[in-house]
Amino acid sequence: MISRLDVSVHKTGRLGAASMAVMIAATLGAAGCGDTKDKDKPATQTAAKVNKEEITVHQINFVLQQQRGLAPEQAASASKQVLERLIDQELALQKAQDQKLDRDPRVVQQLEASRRDIVARAYVEKISAGAPKPSPAEIKTYYDAHPALFKERRVYNLQELAIQATPSQVPELRAKLAAAKDLPDFVNYLKTNDFKYGANQAVRAAEQLPLASVDTFAQMKDGQTIFTATPTGAQVVIVAGSRSQPVDEARATPAIEQFLWNERKRKVVEDDMKALRGASKLQYVGEYAKGGAKEVTSPPPAASEASPLTSIAPAMPAGSIPSAAPNVEVEPINTGPASSPASGTLEKGIKGFK
């Protein structure tokens, strides 16, 4: 979309808003600094003129401040990229206004939806900012209570079989897996009986697993398997291998603090919404009159409850697996395909989780 301005930058550092503003202003004004005739000219915040409209340094700064991280040495090139995109956006905007597209009912509706979202988010951010940060004692308690994420953290070499089956076939699949002498034997059964399945493999650290399944994986030995019924059939996950990679308390503290603080912010917003609903006159109308309140107070199950234990499709980035665990900055995990385990390891695994 034309209105979405994204600038690709490397996340090697972070600039504050004030530092960014000064640097960008200096960069855009550098061209005329050596001209003695311009010395007495008043400073301007205009970065470019597009017909009768101006694009300002403030607009550029606003876009740059949306970036999660920007190295100081990249500010100049990034600002120029943003300026060019703002120029393109302004040209498209002017043309759209000439064609009265800003009065199109669909566009008006989108603008109003964006306005509502922005204002509502501003309110949520304001009330959540009042949530107190966790104390050092609370951080230590969380660290000690989750050894699988920290003191006993492991990195898993996982393999997965995603099998398509009807609900009535799932018990049979479970029994055949338990009775199989090794994984190839079970796969041969799937082929013989025309089951459709997909095989994936990847490497996942403990915090990249759904939080509800972290302790389960921590108790597993290399070669053991988990069988899970899914909406489309069944899933078999094999721990083909693993290695210990603990995280000490000092290194985990910033991530735990942010995680607990975010949870408190979420709770503050949740409680505030409940209070607002209780103090407001809320009436469902038309087709929503039946069961409206029930639907609001009974949200769908969480992803970790409604989905398989994990999903390890190679195309999925490591951070995209549903997880509510603190993400500690450690050495990068290779999330590509894992090497095939020895047949003896898988034979042991098939027998491990009958």
Protein backbone atom coordinates (compact mmCIF):
# COMPACT_ATOMS: atom_id res chain seq x y z
CA MET A 1 0.00 0.00 0.00
CA ILE A 2 1.23 3.50 -0.78
CA SER A 3 0.50 4.77 2.72
CA ARG A 4 2.73 2.19 4.33
CA LEU A 5 6.30 3.39 4.44
CA ASP A 6 8.90 0.78 5.36
CA VAL A 7 12.63 1.37 5.42
CA SER A 8 14.89 -1.68 5.59
CA VAL A 9 17.70 -1.16 8.09
CA HIS A 10 20.05 -3.41 10.05
CA LYS A 11 19.25 -3.65 13.74
CA THR A 12 22.77 -2.92 14.96
CA GLY A 13 21.94 0.04 17.16
CA ARG A 14 19.17 2.38 18.28
CA LEU A 15 18.72 6.11 18.03
CA GLY A 16 16.59 8.19 20.35
CA ALA A 17 13.96 10.48 18.86
CA ALA A 18 15.86 13.65 19.77
CA SER A 19 19.18 12.39 18.41
CA MET A 20 17.47 11.24 15.24
CA ALA A 21 15.84 14.63 14.69
CA VAL A 22 19.13 16.47 15.07
CA MET A 23 21.00 14.08 12.80
CA ILE A 24 18.38 14.10 10.05
CA ALA A 25 18.07 17.86 10.10
CA ALA A 26 21.84 18.17 9.86
CA THR A 27 22.01 15.66 7.03
CA LEU A 28 19.34 17.33 4.92
CA GLY A 29 20.82 20.76 5.49
CA ALA A 30 24.42 19.78 4.87
CA ALA A 31 24.31 20.57 1.16
CA GLY A 32 24.09 24.30 1.77
CA CYS A 33 26.38 24.58 4.77
CA GLY A 34 29.43 25.51 2.72
CA ASP A 35 27.72 28.31 0.82
CA THR A 36 28.47 31.66 2.48
CA LYS A 37 25.42 33.21 0.83
CA ASP A 38 23.17 30.81 2.83
CA LYS A 39 24.69 31.63 6.22
CA ASP A 40 22.15 34.28 7.08
CA LYS A 41 19.13 32.37 5.82
CA PRO A 42 16.73 31.19 8.56
CA ALA A 43 16.69 27.44 9.34
CA THR A 44 13.92 25.51 7.67
CA GLN A 45 12.21 22.25 8.50
CA THR A 46 11.22 21.72 4.87
CA ALA A 47 12.95 18.75 3.26
CA ALA A 48 11.27 18.94 -0.16
CA LYS A 49 8.47 20.69 -2.04
CA VAL A 50 6.06 18.69 -4.14
CA ASN A 51 4.07 21.13 -6.27
CA LYS A 52 2.44 23.37 -3.66
CA GLU A 53 2.89 21.00 -0.73
CA GLU A 54 5.88 20.59 1.57
CA ILE A 55 7.47 17.52 3.12
CA THR A 56 9.13 18.32 6.44
CA VAL A 57 11.92 16.88 8.52
CA HIS A 58 9.29 16.11 11.17
CA GLN A 59 7.53 13.76 8.75
CA ILE A 60 10.79 11.97 8.03
CA ASN A 61 11.59 11.69 11.72
CA PHE A 62 8.16 10.24 12.44
CA VAL A 63 8.69 7.44 9.92
CA LEU A 64 12.20 6.70 11.16
CA GLN A 65 11.03 6.55 14.76
CA GLN A 66 8.73 3.66 13.85
CA GLN A 67 11.78 1.52 13.15
CA ARG A 68 12.71 -0.82 15.98
CA GLY A 69 16.42 -0.16 15.62
CA LEU A 70 18.57 2.07 13.48
CA ALA A 71 22.35 2.44 13.63
CA PRO A 72 23.57 6.07 13.78
CA GLU A 73 25.75 5.59 10.73
CA GLN A 74 22.69 4.53 8.74
CA ALA A 75 20.57 7.56 9.61
CA ALA A 76 21.62 9.64 6.61
CA SER A 77 20.92 7.00 3.95
CA ALA A 78 17.72 5.89 5.69
CA SER A 79 16.41 9.47 5.84
CA LYS A 80 16.97 9.93 2.12
CA GLN A 81 15.10 6.71 1.36
CA VAL A 82 12.21 7.86 3.54
CA LEU A 83 12.15 11.27 1.83
CA GLU A 84 11.92 9.67 -1.63
CA ARG A 85 9.05 7.48 -0.50
CA LEU A 86 7.26 10.41 1.08
CA ILE A 87 7.59 12.26 -2.22
CA ASP A 88 6.06 9.31 -4.07
CA GLN A 89 3.30 9.14 -1.47
CA GLU A 90 2.57 12.86 -1.78
CA LEU A 91 2.39 12.64 -5.57
CA ALA A 92 -0.06 9.73 -5.33
CA LEU A 93 -2.06 11.60 -2.67
CA GLN A 94 -2.37 14.71 -4.80
CA LYS A 95 -3.48 12.68 -7.81
CA ALA A 96 -6.01 10.78 -5.70
CA GLN A 97 -7.45 14.03 -4.40
CA ASP A 98 -7.72 15.38 -7.94
CA GLN A 99 -9.79 12.30 -8.76
CA LYS A 100 -11.79 12.74 -5.52
CA LEU A 101 -10.77 9.30 -4.31
CA ASP A 102 -10.58 10.66 -0.77
CA ARG A 103 -14.39 10.94 -0.91
CA ASP A 104 -14.92 7.35 -2.00
CA PRO A 105 -17.12 5.60 0.64
CA ARG A 106 -14.68 2.71 0.97
CA VAL A 107 -11.74 5.07 1.50
CA VAL A 108 -13.70 7.17 4.00
CA GLN A 109 -14.57 4.01 5.92
CA GLN A 110 -10.92 2.92 6.01
CA LEU A 111 -9.82 6.35 7.21
CA GLU A 112 -12.38 6.31 10.02
CA ALA A 113 -11.36 2.77 11.04
CA SER A 114 -7.71 3.86 11.16
CA ARG A 115 -8.58 6.92 13.23
CA ARG A 116 -10.55 4.83 15.74
CA ASP A 117 -7.72 2.32 16.00
CA ILE A 118 -5.04 4.98 16.53
CA VAL A 119 -6.99 6.85 19.20
CA ALA A 120 -8.03 3.65 21.01
CA ARG A 121 -4.43 2.40 20.98
CA ALA A 122 -3.25 5.70 22.43
CA TYR A 123 -5.65 5.23 25.35
CA VAL A 124 -4.50 1.64 25.89
CA GLU A 125 -0.85 2.70 25.86
CA LYS A 126 -1.59 5.47 28.36
CA ILE A 127 -3.26 3.25 30.94
CA SER A 128 -0.83 0.35 30.49
CA ALA A 129 2.12 2.68 31.12
CA GLY A 130 1.01 2.86 34.74
CA ALA A 131 1.69 -0.83 35.36
CA PRO A 132 4.53 -1.21 37.90
CA LYS A 133 7.70 -2.98 36.86
CA PRO A 134 8.44 -6.33 38.53
CA SER A 135 10.78 -6.34 41.51
CA PRO A 136 14.13 -8.19 41.55
CA ALA A 137 12.54 -10.77 43.86
CA GLU A 138 9.72 -11.45 41.38
CA ILE A 139 12.21 -11.82 38.54
CA LYS A 140 14.26 -14.32 40.55
CA THR A 141 11.12 -16.26 41.46
CA TYR A 142 10.18 -16.59 37.80
CA TYR A 143 13.70 -17.65 36.87
CA ASP A 144 13.76 -20.36 39.55
CA ALA A 145 10.23 -21.55 38.68
CA HIS A 146 11.06 -22.16 35.00
CA PRO A 147 14.29 -24.18 34.83
CA ALA A 148 13.42 -25.56 31.38
CA LEU A 149 13.65 -22.01 29.99
CA PHE A 150 16.84 -21.02 31.81
CA LYS A 151 18.99 -23.21 34.09
CA GLU A 152 18.12 -26.41 32.21
CA ARG A 153 17.43 -24.85 28.80
CA ARG A 154 17.88 -27.17 25.82
CA VAL A 155 18.01 -26.72 22.07
CA TYR A 156 16.05 -29.43 20.28
CA ASN A 157 16.55 -31.14 16.95
CA LEU A 158 12.91 -31.89 16.08
CA GLN A 159 11.30 -33.96 13.36
CA GLU A 160 7.60 -33.96 12.60
CA LEU A 161 5.07 -36.08 10.78
CA ALA A 162 1.80 -34.25 10.06
CA ILE A 163 -0.75 -36.91 9.13
CA GLN A 164 -4.14 -36.33 7.53
CA ALA A 165 -6.78 -38.58 9.07
CA THR A 166 -10.38 -38.68 10.25
CA PRO A 167 -11.15 -38.60 13.99
CA SER A 168 -12.04 -42.30 13.89
CA GLN A 169 -8.61 -43.16 12.46
CA VAL A 170 -6.61 -41.32 15.12
CA PRO A 171 -6.77 -44.08 17.80
CA GLU A 172 -5.53 -46.60 15.24
CA LEU A 173 -2.64 -44.34 14.28
CA ARG A 174 -1.68 -43.95 17.93
CA ALA A 175 -1.71 -47.73 18.41
CA LYS A 176 0.31 -48.37 15.25
CA LEU A 177 2.95 -45.85 16.33
CA ALA A 178 3.28 -47.52 19.73
CA ALA A 179 3.58 -50.96 18.12
CA ALA A 180 6.03 -49.96 15.38
CA LYS A 181 9.56 -51.32 15.75
CA ASP A 182 11.03 -48.10 14.38
CA LEU A 183 9.99 -44.93 12.58
CA PRO A 184 10.49 -46.31 9.04
CA ASP A 185 8.13 -49.14 10.00
CA PHE A 186 5.45 -46.61 11.00
CA VAL A 187 6.01 -44.55 7.85
CA ASN A 188 5.68 -47.71 5.76
CA TYR A 189 2.32 -48.34 7.47
CA LEU A 190 1.18 -44.83 6.47
CA LYS A 191 2.19 -45.43 2.87
CA THR A 192 0.60 -48.88 2.69
CA ASN A 193 -2.70 -47.56 4.01
CA ASP A 194 -2.70 -44.45 1.78
CA PHE A 195 -2.41 -41.89 4.57
CA LYS A 196 -1.30 -38.48 3.35
CA TYR A 197 1.44 -36.98 5.49
CA GLY A 198 4.14 -34.35 5.46
CA ALA A 199 7.57 -34.56 7.06
CA ASN A 200 9.43 -31.55 8.45
CA GLN A 201 12.50 -31.00 10.57
CA ALA A 202 14.08 -28.01 12.30
CA VAL A 203 16.02 -26.83 15.34
CA ARG A 204 14.14 -25.08 18.15
CA ALA A 205 15.26 -23.65 21.49
CA ALA A 206 13.03 -24.08 24.54
CA GLU A 207 11.68 -20.52 24.40
CA GLN A 208 10.65 -21.05 20.77
CA LEU A 209 8.17 -23.75 21.78
CA PRO A 210 4.64 -23.05 23.03
CA LEU A 211 4.98 -22.26 26.73
CA ALA A 212 2.47 -24.96 27.67
CA SER A 213 4.69 -27.67 26.14
CA VAL A 214 8.13 -26.53 27.36
CA ASP A 215 8.10 -28.74 30.46
CA THR A 216 6.90 -31.72 28.44
CA PHE A 217 9.82 -31.44 26.04
CA ALA A 218 12.22 -30.88 28.94
CA GLN A 219 11.29 -34.31 30.33
CA MET A 220 11.86 -36.06 27.00
CA LYS A 221 15.02 -37.92 26.13
CA ASP A 222 16.59 -37.93 22.70
CA GLY A 223 14.65 -40.26 20.43
CA GLN A 224 11.34 -40.02 22.27
CA THR A 225 8.13 -38.98 20.54
CA ILE A 226 4.87 -37.16 21.20
CA PHE A 227 1.63 -38.10 19.47
CA THR A 228 -1.01 -35.36 19.28
CA ALA A 229 -4.48 -35.40 17.74
CA THR A 230 -5.07 -32.37 15.50
CA PRO A 231 -8.12 -30.90 13.74
CA THR A 232 -6.94 -32.50 10.48
CA GLY A 233 -5.60 -35.78 11.84
CA ALA A 234 -2.51 -36.34 13.96
CA GLN A 235 0.98 -35.06 14.56
CA VAL A 236 4.05 -37.00 15.61
CA VAL A 237 7.00 -34.99 16.94
CA ILE A 238 10.33 -36.75 17.50
CA VAL A 239 13.17 -35.34 19.58
CA ALA A 240 15.88 -36.59 17.25
CA GLY A 241 18.56 -34.91 19.34
CA SER A 242 19.19 -32.08 21.77
CA ARG A 243 21.94 -30.15 23.50
CA SER A 244 22.14 -28.25 26.76
CA GLN A 245 22.44 -24.46 26.50
CA PRO A 246 21.60 -22.93 29.89
CA VAL A 247 21.04 -19.22 30.50
CA ASP A 248 22.20 -17.72 33.79
CA GLU A 249 20.06 -15.41 35.88
CA ALA A 250 21.99 -12.24 35.02
CA ARG A 251 21.50 -12.81 31.31
CA ALA A 252 17.85 -13.78 31.68
CA THR A 253 16.88 -10.87 33.97
CA PRO A 254 16.17 -8.20 31.27
CA ALA A 255 13.97 -10.59 29.25
CA ILE A 256 12.08 -11.78 32.32
CA GLU A 257 11.56 -8.21 33.51
CA GLN A 258 10.11 -7.18 30.14
CA PHE A 259 7.97 -10.31 29.94
CA LEU A 260 6.47 -9.84 33.42
CA TRP A 261 5.96 -6.12 32.80
CA ASN A 262 4.13 -6.85 29.55
CA GLU A 263 1.92 -9.33 31.39
CA ARG A 264 1.07 -6.67 33.96
CA LYS A 265 0.29 -4.17 31.24
CA ARG A 266 -2.00 -6.70 29.59
CA LYS A 267 -3.76 -7.30 32.92
CA VAL A 268 -4.19 -3.56 33.54
CA VAL A 269 -5.79 -3.15 30.11
CA GLU A 270 -7.98 -6.24 30.60
CA ASP A 271 -9.23 -5.02 33.98
CA ASP A 272 -9.86 -1.54 32.62
CA MET A 273 -11.90 -2.90 29.72
CA LYS A 274 -13.99 -4.96 32.13
CA ALA A 275 -14.60 -1.86 34.25
CA LEU A 276 -15.56 0.20 31.21
CA ARG A 277 -17.99 -2.48 30.07
CA GLY A 278 -19.50 -2.65 33.54
CA ALA A 279 -19.99 1.11 33.71
CA SER A 280 -21.43 1.41 30.20
CA LYS A 281 -24.85 0.66 28.78
CA LEU A 282 -24.15 -2.12 26.29
CA GLN A 283 -26.98 -3.50 24.17
CA TYR A 284 -26.68 -6.06 21.37
CA VAL A 285 -29.02 -5.48 18.44
CA GLY A 286 -30.36 -7.54 15.53
CA GLU A 287 -28.67 -10.84 14.81
CA TYR A 288 -26.16 -10.14 17.57
CA ALA A 289 -28.87 -9.87 20.22
CA LYS A 290 -28.63 -13.59 20.98
CA GLY A 291 -25.46 -14.80 22.60
CA GLY A 292 -23.52 -11.57 22.08
CA ALA A 293 -22.42 -11.19 25.67
CA LYS A 294 -21.56 -14.88 25.92
CA GLU A 295 -19.26 -14.65 22.88
CA VAL A 296 -17.43 -11.67 24.38
CA THR A 297 -16.85 -13.26 27.79
CA SER A 298 -15.89 -16.66 26.37
CA PRO A 299 -12.94 -16.14 24.04
CA PRO A 300 -11.70 -18.95 21.81
CA PRO A 301 -9.06 -21.26 23.27
CA ALA A 302 -5.46 -20.12 23.16
CA ALA A 303 -3.28 -21.33 20.32
CA SER A 304 -1.39 -23.67 22.64
CA GLU A 305 -4.68 -25.32 23.65
CA ALA A 306 -6.32 -25.58 20.24
CA SER A 307 -3.22 -26.48 18.20
CA PRO A 308 -0.63 -29.25 18.23
CA LEU A 309 2.28 -28.99 20.64
CA THR A 310 4.50 -27.40 18.05
CA SER A 311 4.87 -26.75 14.36
CA ILE A 312 8.31 -27.13 12.88
CA ALA A 313 7.78 -26.45 9.19
CA PRO A 314 11.19 -25.33 7.86
CA ALA A 315 9.74 -22.23 6.21
CA MET A 316 8.52 -20.88 9.54
CA PRO A 317 10.91 -18.37 11.20
CA ALA A 318 12.06 -19.31 14.68
CA GLY A 319 10.30 -16.42 16.38
CA SER A 320 6.94 -17.10 14.74
CA ILE A 321 6.12 -20.24 16.71
CA PRO A 322 3.38 -19.39 19.24
CA SER A 323 5.14 -18.76 22.54
CA ALA A 324 4.59 -16.71 25.66
CA ALA A 325 8.09 -17.25 27.03
CA PRO A 326 10.68 -14.53 27.64
CA ASN A 327 13.04 -14.31 24.67
CA VAL A 328 16.56 -14.11 26.02
CA GLU A 329 19.21 -12.81 23.63
CA VAL A 330 21.58 -15.72 23.14
CA GLU A 331 23.57 -16.98 20.20
CA PRO A 332 21.41 -17.39 17.06
CA ILE A 333 19.68 -20.73 16.69
CA ASN A 334 19.99 -22.48 13.36
CA THR A 335 16.35 -23.05 12.48
CA GLY A 336 17.02 -24.79 9.19
CA PRO A 337 16.56 -28.48 8.49
CA ALA A 338 18.21 -30.71 11.04
CA SER A 339 20.51 -33.56 10.14
CA SER A 340 18.92 -36.97 10.03
CA PRO A 341 19.30 -38.95 13.28
CA ALA A 342 20.78 -42.40 13.49
CA SER A 343 18.27 -45.21 13.05
CA GLY A 344 19.06 -46.50 16.55
CA THR A 345 18.00 -43.18 18.07
CA LEU A 346 14.61 -43.30 16.39
CA GLU A 347 14.09 -46.94 17.28
CA LYS A 348 14.60 -46.00 20.91
CA GLY A 349 12.25 -43.03 20.50
CA ILE A 350 9.35 -45.04 19.12
CA LYS A 351 9.39 -47.19 22.22
CA GLY A 352 9.87 -44.26 24.61
CA PHE A 353 6.38 -42.72 24.51
CA LYS A 354 3.96 -45.59 24.15
